Amino acid sequence: MGVQGITEAIQDYLKEIYKLEATGGRATTSALAERLRVSAPSATSMLKKLATLRLVEHEPYRGARLTRKGERLALEVIRHHRLLEQYLAQTLGLPIDAVHEEADRLEHALSEELEAHIDRTLGFPTHDPHGDPIPDARLKVRNQLLTPLAELEAGTKATISRVPDRDGDLLRYLTKLKLTPGTRIEIRDAAPFDGPLTVRVAGSDHAISRELAAKIGVT
């Protein structure tokens, strides 16, 4: 099943509903309105439309859940998006703080043929530049159990596996500190009472807040 004939707006909603479900959140009207930067009435109207199309099951005040059909459409859009991010980073050399917005613009226009060609050219990647899993050609997702950096104790060594993908300023900051996927780190100190972590990366020590560390996944 392809996304042709499904409007860009519907694709965007399905993608965000899937992401909310994948992180254990609820796809409520308010959560979707915030993520998609629309009004609550607009989000409510779209959820009703998605329910009519049998792409979601929607209960007022309880949020929406993707149907099997809706989930497959969401995964196809996410596959387009994350393949494009990886192509832009790996082949064109765009920094990880720039690829998300570019992929947002291109994901709706990607044909199935070009999608397959990009996949082959990149060597069938399993993750995008931010560390998020790329659904394969059968729309299967290889999820990896990650630990929040904030939960590590002093003396622990780990590898950065995932960073947030939506905040360009944050990604530029993490890139400056070399806290990007694939980088080995060591926790040098963990201050008590939710104080900052001191992280050693590439021979340098950096203090980062627990709030930021909670957004970074490691293995």
N, C-alpha and C. Protein backbone atom coordinates (compact mmCIF):
# COMPACT_ATOMS: atom_id res chain seq x y z
N MET A 1 0.85 -1.19 0.00
CA MET A 1 0.00 0.00 0.00
C MET A 1 0.89 1.24 0.00
N GLY A 2 0.69 2.11 -0.97
CA GLY A 2 1.50 3.31 -1.03
C GLY A 2 0.78 4.51 -0.44
N VAL A 3 1.51 5.62 -0.35
CA VAL A 3 0.91 6.82 0.21
C VAL A 3 0.31 7.72 -0.86
N GLN A 4 0.45 7.29 -2.15
CA GLN A 4 -0.15 8.08 -3.20
C GLN A 4 -1.66 8.20 -2.98
N GLY A 5 -2.20 9.39 -3.18
CA GLY A 5 -3.62 9.62 -2.99
C GLY A 5 -3.97 10.02 -1.58
N ILE A 6 -3.03 9.89 -0.67
CA ILE A 6 -3.22 10.33 0.71
C ILE A 6 -2.57 11.70 0.84
N THR A 7 -3.32 12.69 1.30
CA THR A 7 -2.79 14.05 1.34
C THR A 7 -1.58 14.16 2.27
N GLU A 8 -0.79 15.21 2.03
CA GLU A 8 0.39 15.43 2.86
C GLU A 8 -0.01 15.65 4.32
N ALA A 9 -1.11 16.35 4.53
CA ALA A 9 -1.56 16.62 5.90
C ALA A 9 -1.90 15.31 6.62
N ILE A 10 -2.58 14.40 5.94
CA ILE A 10 -2.91 13.12 6.54
C ILE A 10 -1.64 12.34 6.85
N GLN A 11 -0.69 12.35 5.92
CA GLN A 11 0.58 11.67 6.15
C GLN A 11 1.29 12.22 7.40
N ASP A 12 1.28 13.55 7.54
CA ASP A 12 1.94 14.18 8.69
C ASP A 12 1.28 13.74 10.00
N TYR A 13 -0.04 13.70 10.02
CA TYR A 13 -0.75 13.29 11.24
C TYR A 13 -0.45 11.83 11.57
N LEU A 14 -0.49 10.96 10.58
CA LEU A 14 -0.23 9.55 10.83
C LEU A 14 1.19 9.35 11.37
N LYS A 15 2.14 10.09 10.81
CA LYS A 15 3.53 9.97 11.26
C LYS A 15 3.66 10.39 12.71
N GLU A 16 3.03 11.50 13.10
CA GLU A 16 3.16 11.97 14.47
C GLU A 16 2.40 11.08 15.46
N ILE A 17 1.26 10.54 15.05
CA ILE A 17 0.53 9.61 15.91
C ILE A 17 1.39 8.38 16.17
N TYR A 18 2.04 7.88 15.12
CA TYR A 18 2.92 6.71 15.29
C TYR A 18 4.05 7.01 16.27
N LYS A 19 4.67 8.17 16.12
CA LYS A 19 5.79 8.53 17.01
C LYS A 19 5.34 8.64 18.45
N LEU A 20 4.16 9.22 18.68
CA LEU A 20 3.65 9.33 20.04
C LEU A 20 3.39 7.95 20.62
N GLU A 21 2.79 7.06 19.83
CA GLU A 21 2.53 5.70 20.31
C GLU A 21 3.84 4.96 20.59
N ALA A 22 4.84 5.16 19.72
CA ALA A 22 6.11 4.43 19.85
C ALA A 22 6.86 4.82 21.12
N THR A 23 6.63 6.02 21.62
CA THR A 23 7.33 6.48 22.83
C THR A 23 6.46 6.32 24.07
N GLY A 24 5.34 5.62 23.92
CA GLY A 24 4.48 5.37 25.06
C GLY A 24 3.53 6.50 25.40
N GLY A 25 3.48 7.51 24.52
CA GLY A 25 2.60 8.64 24.75
C GLY A 25 1.21 8.41 24.18
N ARG A 26 0.32 9.33 24.45
CA ARG A 26 -1.05 9.26 23.92
C ARG A 26 -1.21 10.30 22.84
N ALA A 27 -1.78 9.89 21.72
CA ALA A 27 -2.00 10.80 20.60
C ALA A 27 -3.26 11.62 20.85
N THR A 28 -3.18 12.51 21.82
CA THR A 28 -4.31 13.36 22.15
C THR A 28 -4.38 14.55 21.20
N THR A 29 -5.50 15.22 21.21
CA THR A 29 -5.66 16.41 20.37
C THR A 29 -4.61 17.45 20.71
N SER A 30 -4.40 17.68 21.99
CA SER A 30 -3.43 18.71 22.40
C SER A 30 -2.01 18.34 22.01
N ALA A 31 -1.64 17.07 22.16
CA ALA A 31 -0.29 16.62 21.80
C ALA A 31 -0.05 16.77 20.30
N LEU A 32 -1.04 16.40 19.50
CA LEU A 32 -0.89 16.51 18.05
C LEU A 32 -0.88 17.97 17.60
N ALA A 33 -1.71 18.79 18.22
CA ALA A 33 -1.74 20.21 17.88
C ALA A 33 -0.38 20.85 18.15
N GLU A 34 0.24 20.46 19.26
CA GLU A 34 1.55 21.02 19.60
C GLU A 34 2.62 20.55 18.63
N ARG A 35 2.64 19.27 18.30
CA ARG A 35 3.68 18.73 17.44
C ARG A 35 3.55 19.21 16.00
N LEU A 36 2.30 19.41 15.56
CA LEU A 36 2.06 19.82 14.18
C LEU A 36 1.85 21.32 14.03
N ARG A 37 1.86 22.02 15.18
CA ARG A 37 1.73 23.48 15.18
C ARG A 37 0.44 23.93 14.51
N VAL A 38 -0.66 23.29 14.94
CA VAL A 38 -1.99 23.66 14.46
C VAL A 38 -2.86 23.92 15.68
N SER A 39 -4.06 24.44 15.45
CA SER A 39 -4.99 24.67 16.55
C SER A 39 -5.63 23.36 16.99
N ALA A 40 -6.11 23.34 18.22
CA ALA A 40 -6.79 22.15 18.73
C ALA A 40 -8.02 21.78 17.89
N PRO A 41 -8.87 22.78 17.48
CA PRO A 41 -10.01 22.43 16.63
C PRO A 41 -9.59 21.80 15.30
N SER A 42 -8.47 22.27 14.73
CA SER A 42 -7.98 21.67 13.48
C SER A 42 -7.57 20.23 13.69
N ALA A 43 -6.90 19.97 14.82
CA ALA A 43 -6.47 18.60 15.12
C ALA A 43 -7.69 17.70 15.35
N THR A 44 -8.69 18.21 16.05
CA THR A 44 -9.91 17.44 16.28
C THR A 44 -10.60 17.09 14.98
N SER A 45 -10.68 18.07 14.09
CA SER A 45 -11.32 17.86 12.79
C SER A 45 -10.59 16.79 11.98
N MET A 46 -9.25 16.84 11.99
CA MET A 46 -8.48 15.86 11.24
C MET A 46 -8.62 14.47 11.83
N LEU A 47 -8.65 14.35 13.15
CA LEU A 47 -8.81 13.04 13.77
C LEU A 47 -10.15 12.41 13.39
N LYS A 48 -11.18 13.23 13.31
CA LYS A 48 -12.48 12.72 12.87
C LYS A 48 -12.42 12.22 11.43
N LYS A 49 -11.69 12.95 10.60
CA LYS A 49 -11.52 12.54 9.19
C LYS A 49 -10.74 11.23 9.12
N LEU A 50 -9.68 11.12 9.90
CA LEU A 50 -8.87 9.90 9.89
C LEU A 50 -9.70 8.70 10.38
N ALA A 51 -10.57 8.94 11.35
CA ALA A 51 -11.43 7.87 11.83
C ALA A 51 -12.42 7.43 10.74
N THR A 52 -12.95 8.40 9.99
CA THR A 52 -13.87 8.09 8.88
C THR A 52 -13.17 7.26 7.81
N LEU A 53 -11.89 7.54 7.58
CA LEU A 53 -11.09 6.79 6.60
C LEU A 53 -10.58 5.47 7.17
N ARG A 54 -10.90 5.19 8.42
CA ARG A 54 -10.49 3.97 9.11
C ARG A 54 -8.97 3.87 9.22
N LEU A 55 -8.34 5.03 9.41
CA LEU A 55 -6.89 5.06 9.62
C LEU A 55 -6.56 5.15 11.11
N VAL A 56 -7.52 5.62 11.91
CA VAL A 56 -7.34 5.66 13.36
C VAL A 56 -8.65 5.26 14.03
N GLU A 57 -8.51 4.87 15.29
CA GLU A 57 -9.65 4.73 16.18
C GLU A 57 -9.57 5.88 17.16
N HIS A 58 -10.60 6.71 17.18
CA HIS A 58 -10.54 7.96 17.95
C HIS A 58 -11.65 7.99 18.98
N GLU A 59 -11.27 8.19 20.23
CA GLU A 59 -12.23 8.39 21.30
C GLU A 59 -12.03 9.79 21.87
N PRO A 60 -13.07 10.62 21.87
CA PRO A 60 -12.93 11.97 22.42
C PRO A 60 -12.35 11.94 23.83
N TYR A 61 -11.41 12.82 24.08
CA TYR A 61 -10.74 12.98 25.37
C TYR A 61 -9.77 11.84 25.71
N ARG A 62 -9.68 10.84 24.85
CA ARG A 62 -8.77 9.72 25.12
C ARG A 62 -7.69 9.59 24.03
N GLY A 63 -7.83 10.36 22.96
CA GLY A 63 -6.82 10.33 21.92
C GLY A 63 -7.13 9.32 20.82
N ALA A 64 -6.15 9.15 19.93
CA ALA A 64 -6.32 8.29 18.76
C ALA A 64 -5.29 7.18 18.76
N ARG A 65 -5.67 6.05 18.16
CA ARG A 65 -4.74 4.94 17.94
C ARG A 65 -4.82 4.55 16.48
N LEU A 66 -3.66 4.25 15.90
CA LEU A 66 -3.63 3.86 14.50
C LEU A 66 -4.27 2.49 14.31
N THR A 67 -5.04 2.36 13.24
CA THR A 67 -5.48 1.04 12.81
C THR A 67 -4.31 0.37 12.08
N ARG A 68 -4.46 -0.87 11.72
CA ARG A 68 -3.40 -1.56 10.98
C ARG A 68 -3.10 -0.83 9.66
N LYS A 69 -4.15 -0.39 8.98
CA LYS A 69 -3.99 0.34 7.72
C LYS A 69 -3.27 1.66 7.98
N GLY A 70 -3.68 2.37 9.03
CA GLY A 70 -3.04 3.64 9.35
C GLY A 70 -1.59 3.47 9.74
N GLU A 71 -1.29 2.39 10.47
CA GLU A 71 0.09 2.15 10.89
C GLU A 71 1.00 1.89 9.69
N ARG A 72 0.53 1.12 8.72
CA ARG A 72 1.35 0.84 7.54
C ARG A 72 1.62 2.11 6.74
N LEU A 73 0.61 2.97 6.62
CA LEU A 73 0.82 4.24 5.93
C LEU A 73 1.81 5.12 6.69
N ALA A 74 1.68 5.14 8.01
CA ALA A 74 2.61 5.92 8.82
C ALA A 74 4.04 5.42 8.66
N LEU A 75 4.21 4.10 8.69
CA LEU A 75 5.55 3.51 8.56
C LEU A 75 6.15 3.79 7.19
N GLU A 76 5.33 3.85 6.17
CA GLU A 76 5.86 4.15 4.84
C GLU A 76 6.37 5.58 4.77
N VAL A 77 5.63 6.51 5.36
CA VAL A 77 6.09 7.90 5.38
C VAL A 77 7.37 8.02 6.21
N ILE A 78 7.41 7.34 7.34
CA ILE A 78 8.59 7.38 8.20
C ILE A 78 9.79 6.75 7.48
N ARG A 79 9.56 5.69 6.74
CA ARG A 79 10.65 5.08 5.95
C ARG A 79 11.19 6.09 4.95
N HIS A 80 10.31 6.77 4.22
CA HIS A 80 10.74 7.81 3.28
C HIS A 80 11.60 8.85 4.00
N HIS A 81 11.07 9.33 5.11
CA HIS A 81 11.72 10.42 5.83
C HIS A 81 13.12 10.02 6.30
N ARG A 82 13.22 8.88 6.93
CA ARG A 82 14.50 8.51 7.53
C ARG A 82 15.52 8.06 6.48
N LEU A 83 15.06 7.45 5.39
CA LEU A 83 15.97 7.15 4.29
C LEU A 83 16.52 8.44 3.69
N LEU A 84 15.65 9.43 3.52
CA LEU A 84 16.09 10.72 2.98
C LEU A 84 17.08 11.39 3.92
N GLU A 85 16.83 11.33 5.23
CA GLU A 85 17.78 11.91 6.18
C GLU A 85 19.15 11.26 6.03
N GLN A 86 19.15 9.94 5.94
CA GLN A 86 20.42 9.22 5.82
C GLN A 86 21.12 9.55 4.50
N TYR A 87 20.34 9.66 3.43
CA TYR A 87 20.92 10.02 2.12
C TYR A 87 21.53 11.42 2.16
N LEU A 88 20.79 12.35 2.74
CA LEU A 88 21.28 13.73 2.81
C LEU A 88 22.55 13.83 3.64
N ALA A 89 22.63 13.04 4.70
CA ALA A 89 23.82 13.08 5.57
C ALA A 89 24.98 12.29 4.98
N GLN A 90 24.70 11.07 4.54
CA GLN A 90 25.77 10.16 4.10
C GLN A 90 26.30 10.50 2.72
N THR A 91 25.40 10.86 1.80
CA THR A 91 25.81 11.09 0.41
C THR A 91 26.10 12.55 0.13
N LEU A 92 25.28 13.44 0.66
CA LEU A 92 25.46 14.86 0.38
C LEU A 92 26.21 15.61 1.47
N GLY A 93 26.42 14.95 2.60
CA GLY A 93 27.23 15.56 3.66
C GLY A 93 26.54 16.64 4.46
N LEU A 94 25.20 16.69 4.46
CA LEU A 94 24.51 17.68 5.28
C LEU A 94 24.67 17.34 6.76
N PRO A 95 24.82 18.35 7.62
CA PRO A 95 24.93 18.09 9.06
C PRO A 95 23.60 17.58 9.61
N ILE A 96 23.67 16.87 10.75
CA ILE A 96 22.45 16.24 11.27
C ILE A 96 21.42 17.25 11.74
N ASP A 97 21.82 18.51 11.97
CA ASP A 97 20.83 19.51 12.37
C ASP A 97 20.03 20.04 11.18
N ALA A 98 20.45 19.68 9.95
CA ALA A 98 19.78 20.22 8.76
C ALA A 98 18.91 19.19 8.05
N VAL A 99 19.14 17.90 8.28
CA VAL A 99 18.49 16.90 7.45
C VAL A 99 17.01 16.71 7.76
N HIS A 100 16.59 16.97 9.00
CA HIS A 100 15.20 16.71 9.37
C HIS A 100 14.22 17.57 8.57
N GLU A 101 14.46 18.87 8.55
CA GLU A 101 13.54 19.76 7.83
C GLU A 101 13.57 19.51 6.33
N GLU A 102 14.75 19.19 5.78
CA GLU A 102 14.83 18.89 4.35
C GLU A 102 14.04 17.63 4.03
N ALA A 103 14.18 16.61 4.88
CA ALA A 103 13.44 15.37 4.65
C ALA A 103 11.94 15.58 4.79
N ASP A 104 11.53 16.47 5.70
CA ASP A 104 10.11 16.81 5.83
C ASP A 104 9.55 17.32 4.51
N ARG A 105 10.35 18.12 3.81
CA ARG A 105 9.89 18.70 2.55
C ARG A 105 9.86 17.68 1.41
N LEU A 106 10.76 16.70 1.45
CA LEU A 106 10.92 15.78 0.33
C LEU A 106 10.14 14.47 0.49
N GLU A 107 9.80 14.10 1.72
CA GLU A 107 9.26 12.77 1.97
C GLU A 107 7.97 12.48 1.21
N HIS A 108 7.15 13.50 0.98
CA HIS A 108 5.86 13.29 0.33
C HIS A 108 5.99 13.06 -1.17
N ALA A 109 7.10 13.51 -1.75
CA ALA A 109 7.27 13.42 -3.20
C ALA A 109 8.08 12.20 -3.63
N LEU A 110 8.60 11.43 -2.69
CA LEU A 110 9.48 10.32 -3.00
C LEU A 110 8.69 9.15 -3.59
N SER A 111 9.07 8.72 -4.80
CA SER A 111 8.40 7.59 -5.43
C SER A 111 8.93 6.28 -4.84
N GLU A 112 8.18 5.21 -5.03
CA GLU A 112 8.61 3.92 -4.52
C GLU A 112 9.90 3.47 -5.22
N GLU A 113 10.02 3.80 -6.52
CA GLU A 113 11.21 3.42 -7.27
C GLU A 113 12.45 4.13 -6.73
N LEU A 114 12.33 5.44 -6.48
CA LEU A 114 13.47 6.19 -5.97
C LEU A 114 13.79 5.76 -4.54
N GLU A 115 12.76 5.47 -3.77
CA GLU A 115 12.97 4.96 -2.40
C GLU A 115 13.83 3.70 -2.43
N ALA A 116 13.49 2.76 -3.31
CA ALA A 116 14.24 1.50 -3.40
C ALA A 116 15.67 1.76 -3.87
N HIS A 117 15.84 2.70 -4.80
CA HIS A 117 17.18 3.02 -5.32
C HIS A 117 18.05 3.63 -4.22
N ILE A 118 17.48 4.55 -3.46
CA ILE A 118 18.23 5.17 -2.36
C ILE A 118 18.63 4.11 -1.34
N ASP A 119 17.70 3.21 -1.03
CA ASP A 119 17.97 2.15 -0.06
C ASP A 119 19.16 1.31 -0.51
N ARG A 120 19.16 0.88 -1.79
CA ARG A 120 20.27 0.07 -2.32
C ARG A 120 21.58 0.85 -2.31
N THR A 121 21.51 2.11 -2.73
CA THR A 121 22.71 2.94 -2.82
C THR A 121 23.37 3.11 -1.46
N LEU A 122 22.56 3.24 -0.43
CA LEU A 122 23.09 3.45 0.92
C LEU A 122 23.51 2.14 1.60
N GLY A 123 23.24 1.00 0.94
CA GLY A 123 23.59 -0.28 1.54
C GLY A 123 22.57 -0.78 2.53
N PHE A 124 21.30 -0.42 2.32
CA PHE A 124 20.18 -0.85 3.16
C PHE A 124 20.40 -0.48 4.62
N PRO A 125 20.47 0.81 4.92
CA PRO A 125 20.74 1.25 6.30
C PRO A 125 19.60 0.89 7.23
N THR A 126 19.95 0.68 8.50
CA THR A 126 18.94 0.32 9.50
C THR A 126 18.56 1.49 10.39
N HIS A 127 19.40 2.57 10.40
CA HIS A 127 19.13 3.72 11.25
C HIS A 127 19.45 5.01 10.51
N ASP A 128 18.75 6.08 10.89
CA ASP A 128 19.02 7.39 10.28
C ASP A 128 20.13 8.10 11.06
N PRO A 129 20.54 9.31 10.65
CA PRO A 129 21.67 9.98 11.31
C PRO A 129 21.44 10.29 12.79
N HIS A 130 20.17 10.36 13.21
CA HIS A 130 19.88 10.65 14.62
C HIS A 130 19.80 9.38 15.47
N GLY A 131 19.89 8.22 14.80
CA GLY A 131 19.81 6.95 15.52
C GLY A 131 18.44 6.31 15.55
N ASP A 132 17.47 6.89 14.85
CA ASP A 132 16.13 6.31 14.80
C ASP A 132 16.11 5.17 13.79
N PRO A 133 15.39 4.07 14.08
CA PRO A 133 15.35 2.93 13.16
C PRO A 133 14.60 3.26 11.87
N ILE A 134 15.11 2.76 10.75
CA ILE A 134 14.46 2.94 9.45
C ILE A 134 13.64 1.68 9.16
N PRO A 135 12.32 1.79 8.99
CA PRO A 135 11.55 0.61 8.60
C PRO A 135 12.09 0.01 7.31
N ASP A 136 12.17 -1.33 7.23
CA ASP A 136 12.70 -1.94 6.02
C ASP A 136 11.65 -1.96 4.91
N ALA A 137 11.99 -2.59 3.80
CA ALA A 137 11.09 -2.57 2.65
C ALA A 137 9.75 -3.24 2.94
N ARG A 138 9.72 -4.11 3.95
CA ARG A 138 8.46 -4.76 4.35
C ARG A 138 7.79 -4.00 5.49
N LEU A 139 8.34 -2.83 5.82
CA LEU A 139 7.84 -1.94 6.86
C LEU A 139 7.97 -2.56 8.25
N LYS A 140 8.97 -3.41 8.41
CA LYS A 140 9.30 -3.95 9.73
C LYS A 140 10.32 -3.02 10.38
N VAL A 141 10.18 -2.78 11.67
CA VAL A 141 11.06 -1.87 12.39
C VAL A 141 11.91 -2.66 13.38
N ARG A 142 13.22 -2.44 13.30
CA ARG A 142 14.15 -3.10 14.21
C ARG A 142 14.41 -2.15 15.39
N ASN A 143 13.58 -2.27 16.41
CA ASN A 143 13.74 -1.41 17.58
C ASN A 143 14.89 -1.89 18.45
N GLN A 144 15.59 -0.93 19.04
CA GLN A 144 16.73 -1.23 19.90
C GLN A 144 16.47 -0.66 21.28
N LEU A 145 16.73 -1.47 22.31
CA LEU A 145 16.51 -1.03 23.67
C LEU A 145 17.65 -0.09 24.07
N LEU A 146 17.31 1.16 24.33
CA LEU A 146 18.30 2.17 24.68
C LEU A 146 18.13 2.60 26.13
N THR A 147 19.21 3.06 26.72
CA THR A 147 19.19 3.59 28.08
C THR A 147 19.39 5.09 28.02
N PRO A 148 18.57 5.88 28.72
CA PRO A 148 18.81 7.33 28.75
C PRO A 148 20.17 7.63 29.37
N LEU A 149 20.90 8.53 28.76
CA LEU A 149 22.20 8.91 29.28
C LEU A 149 22.10 9.37 30.74
N ALA A 150 20.98 9.99 31.09
CA ALA A 150 20.80 10.53 32.44
C ALA A 150 20.82 9.45 33.51
N GLU A 151 20.59 8.18 33.14
CA GLU A 151 20.52 7.10 34.13
C GLU A 151 21.87 6.45 34.42
N LEU A 152 22.91 6.84 33.70
CA LEU A 152 24.21 6.20 33.89
C LEU A 152 24.91 6.74 35.14
N GLU A 153 25.69 5.87 35.75
CA GLU A 153 26.44 6.24 36.94
C GLU A 153 27.89 6.56 36.59
N ALA A 154 28.56 7.24 37.48
CA ALA A 154 29.96 7.60 37.26
C ALA A 154 30.79 6.35 37.01
N GLY A 155 31.69 6.44 36.03
CA GLY A 155 32.54 5.32 35.67
C GLY A 155 32.00 4.48 34.54
N THR A 156 30.73 4.69 34.16
CA THR A 156 30.12 3.90 33.10
C THR A 156 30.58 4.40 31.72
N LYS A 157 30.88 3.45 30.84
CA LYS A 157 31.20 3.77 29.45
C LYS A 157 30.05 3.30 28.56
N ALA A 158 29.78 4.06 27.51
CA ALA A 158 28.66 3.72 26.63
C ALA A 158 28.88 4.34 25.26
N THR A 159 27.98 4.02 24.34
CA THR A 159 28.01 4.59 22.99
C THR A 159 26.73 5.38 22.75
N ILE A 160 26.85 6.60 22.28
CA ILE A 160 25.67 7.39 21.91
C ILE A 160 24.96 6.69 20.75
N SER A 161 23.67 6.42 20.91
CA SER A 161 22.92 5.70 19.87
C SER A 161 21.78 6.52 19.28
N ARG A 162 21.26 7.47 20.05
CA ARG A 162 20.16 8.28 19.52
C ARG A 162 20.17 9.66 20.14
N VAL A 163 19.87 10.67 19.30
CA VAL A 163 19.71 12.05 19.75
C VAL A 163 18.40 12.59 19.18
N PRO A 164 17.81 13.63 19.79
CA PRO A 164 16.56 14.20 19.24
C PRO A 164 16.76 14.69 17.81
N ASP A 165 15.69 14.66 17.02
CA ASP A 165 15.84 15.03 15.60
C ASP A 165 15.17 16.35 15.23
N ARG A 166 14.39 16.96 16.13
CA ARG A 166 13.57 18.11 15.75
C ARG A 166 14.15 19.47 16.10
N ASP A 167 15.10 19.53 17.02
CA ASP A 167 15.61 20.80 17.53
C ASP A 167 16.98 21.09 16.92
N GLY A 168 17.02 21.97 15.93
CA GLY A 168 18.26 22.28 15.24
C GLY A 168 19.32 22.88 16.15
N ASP A 169 18.91 23.80 17.03
CA ASP A 169 19.87 24.43 17.94
C ASP A 169 20.49 23.38 18.87
N LEU A 170 19.67 22.48 19.38
CA LEU A 170 20.17 21.44 20.26
C LEU A 170 21.12 20.52 19.51
N LEU A 171 20.79 20.16 18.29
CA LEU A 171 21.65 19.27 17.52
C LEU A 171 22.99 19.93 17.20
N ARG A 172 22.96 21.22 16.93
CA ARG A 172 24.24 21.92 16.69
C ARG A 172 25.09 21.92 17.95
N TYR A 173 24.45 22.07 19.10
CA TYR A 173 25.18 22.05 20.37
C TYR A 173 25.77 20.66 20.63
N LEU A 174 24.97 19.61 20.40
CA LEU A 174 25.46 18.26 20.61
C LEU A 174 26.58 17.92 19.64
N THR A 175 26.47 18.41 18.42
CA THR A 175 27.53 18.18 17.42
C THR A 175 28.82 18.86 17.87
N LYS A 176 28.71 20.07 18.40
CA LYS A 176 29.89 20.80 18.90
C LYS A 176 30.58 20.01 20.01
N LEU A 177 29.78 19.36 20.87
CA LEU A 177 30.34 18.55 21.96
C LEU A 177 30.72 17.14 21.51
N LYS A 178 30.42 16.82 20.25
CA LYS A 178 30.67 15.48 19.68
C LYS A 178 29.78 14.41 20.32
N LEU A 179 28.66 14.82 20.88
CA LEU A 179 27.70 13.88 21.45
C LEU A 179 26.70 13.46 20.38
N THR A 180 27.17 12.70 19.40
CA THR A 180 26.37 12.27 18.27
C THR A 180 26.44 10.75 18.14
N PRO A 181 25.46 10.13 17.45
CA PRO A 181 25.44 8.67 17.36
C PRO A 181 26.75 8.07 16.89
N GLY A 182 27.14 7.01 17.57
CA GLY A 182 28.37 6.31 17.24
C GLY A 182 29.56 6.70 18.11
N THR A 183 29.42 7.77 18.90
CA THR A 183 30.52 8.26 19.72
C THR A 183 30.57 7.54 21.06
N ARG A 184 31.77 7.11 21.47
CA ARG A 184 31.98 6.50 22.78
C ARG A 184 32.15 7.59 23.83
N ILE A 185 31.51 7.38 24.97
CA ILE A 185 31.60 8.36 26.06
C ILE A 185 31.83 7.64 27.39
N GLU A 186 32.25 8.41 28.38
CA GLU A 186 32.40 7.89 29.74
C GLU A 186 31.84 8.91 30.71
N ILE A 187 31.06 8.44 31.67
CA ILE A 187 30.54 9.32 32.71
C ILE A 187 31.64 9.51 33.76
N ARG A 188 32.14 10.72 33.88
CA ARG A 188 33.21 11.01 34.83
C ARG A 188 32.66 11.35 36.21
N ASP A 189 31.45 11.96 36.23
CA ASP A 189 30.86 12.32 37.51
C ASP A 189 29.36 12.51 37.32
N ALA A 190 28.61 12.13 38.33
CA ALA A 190 27.16 12.32 38.33
C ALA A 190 26.79 13.02 39.63
N ALA A 191 26.53 14.31 39.56
CA ALA A 191 26.25 15.09 40.76
C ALA A 191 24.93 14.62 41.39
N PRO A 192 24.86 14.62 42.72
CA PRO A 192 23.63 14.17 43.40
C PRO A 192 22.49 15.17 43.23
N PHE A 193 21.29 14.71 43.65
CA PHE A 193 20.09 15.56 43.62
C PHE A 193 19.80 16.11 42.22
N ASP A 194 19.91 15.21 41.22
CA ASP A 194 19.63 15.56 39.83
C ASP A 194 20.56 16.65 39.31
N GLY A 195 21.76 16.71 39.85
CA GLY A 195 22.75 17.65 39.35
C GLY A 195 23.29 17.21 38.00
N PRO A 196 24.16 18.00 37.39
CA PRO A 196 24.64 17.70 36.04
C PRO A 196 25.55 16.47 35.98
N LEU A 197 25.66 15.92 34.78
CA LEU A 197 26.61 14.85 34.51
C LEU A 197 27.86 15.44 33.88
N THR A 198 29.01 14.91 34.23
CA THR A 198 30.24 15.27 33.54
C THR A 198 30.60 14.12 32.62
N VAL A 199 30.60 14.40 31.33
CA VAL A 199 30.79 13.37 30.31
C VAL A 199 32.12 13.59 29.61
N ARG A 200 32.91 12.53 29.52
CA ARG A 200 34.16 12.61 28.75
C ARG A 200 33.91 12.07 27.35
N VAL A 201 34.23 12.88 26.36
CA VAL A 201 34.06 12.48 24.96
C VAL A 201 35.24 13.03 24.17
N ALA A 202 35.89 12.17 23.42
CA ALA A 202 37.04 12.54 22.60
C ALA A 202 38.11 13.27 23.41
N GLY A 203 38.30 12.81 24.64
CA GLY A 203 39.36 13.37 25.48
C GLY A 203 39.01 14.64 26.22
N SER A 204 37.80 15.14 26.07
CA SER A 204 37.37 16.37 26.75
C SER A 204 36.19 16.08 27.66
N ASP A 205 36.13 16.81 28.78
CA ASP A 205 35.02 16.68 29.73
C ASP A 205 34.02 17.81 29.53
N HIS A 206 32.73 17.44 29.55
CA HIS A 206 31.66 18.43 29.39
C HIS A 206 30.59 18.17 30.44
N ALA A 207 30.10 19.22 31.08
CA ALA A 207 29.00 19.11 32.02
C ALA A 207 27.69 19.36 31.28
N ILE A 208 26.76 18.43 31.39
CA ILE A 208 25.45 18.60 30.74
C ILE A 208 24.36 18.33 31.77
N SER A 209 23.24 18.97 31.58
CA SER A 209 22.13 18.84 32.52
C SER A 209 21.49 17.47 32.42
N ARG A 210 20.83 17.05 33.51
CA ARG A 210 20.09 15.79 33.49
C ARG A 210 18.94 15.86 32.47
N GLU A 211 18.34 17.04 32.32
CA GLU A 211 17.25 17.20 31.36
C GLU A 211 17.72 16.90 29.95
N LEU A 212 18.89 17.42 29.58
CA LEU A 212 19.43 17.14 28.26
C LEU A 212 19.84 15.68 28.15
N ALA A 213 20.49 15.18 29.18
CA ALA A 213 20.96 13.78 29.15
C ALA A 213 19.81 12.80 29.00
N ALA A 214 18.64 13.16 29.51
CA ALA A 214 17.47 12.27 29.40
C ALA A 214 17.00 12.13 27.96
N LYS A 215 17.38 13.05 27.09
CA LYS A 215 16.94 13.02 25.70
C LYS A 215 17.89 12.24 24.80
N ILE A 216 19.00 11.77 25.37
CA ILE A 216 20.02 11.07 24.60
C ILE A 216 20.00 9.60 24.97
N GLY A 217 19.88 8.72 23.96
CA GLY A 217 19.86 7.28 24.20
C GLY A 217 21.22 6.68 23.97
N VAL A 218 21.62 5.74 24.82
CA VAL A 218 22.94 5.10 24.71
C VAL A 218 22.79 3.59 24.80
N THR A 219 23.84 2.90 24.34
CA THR A 219 23.96 1.46 24.51
C THR A 219 25.31 1.17 25.14
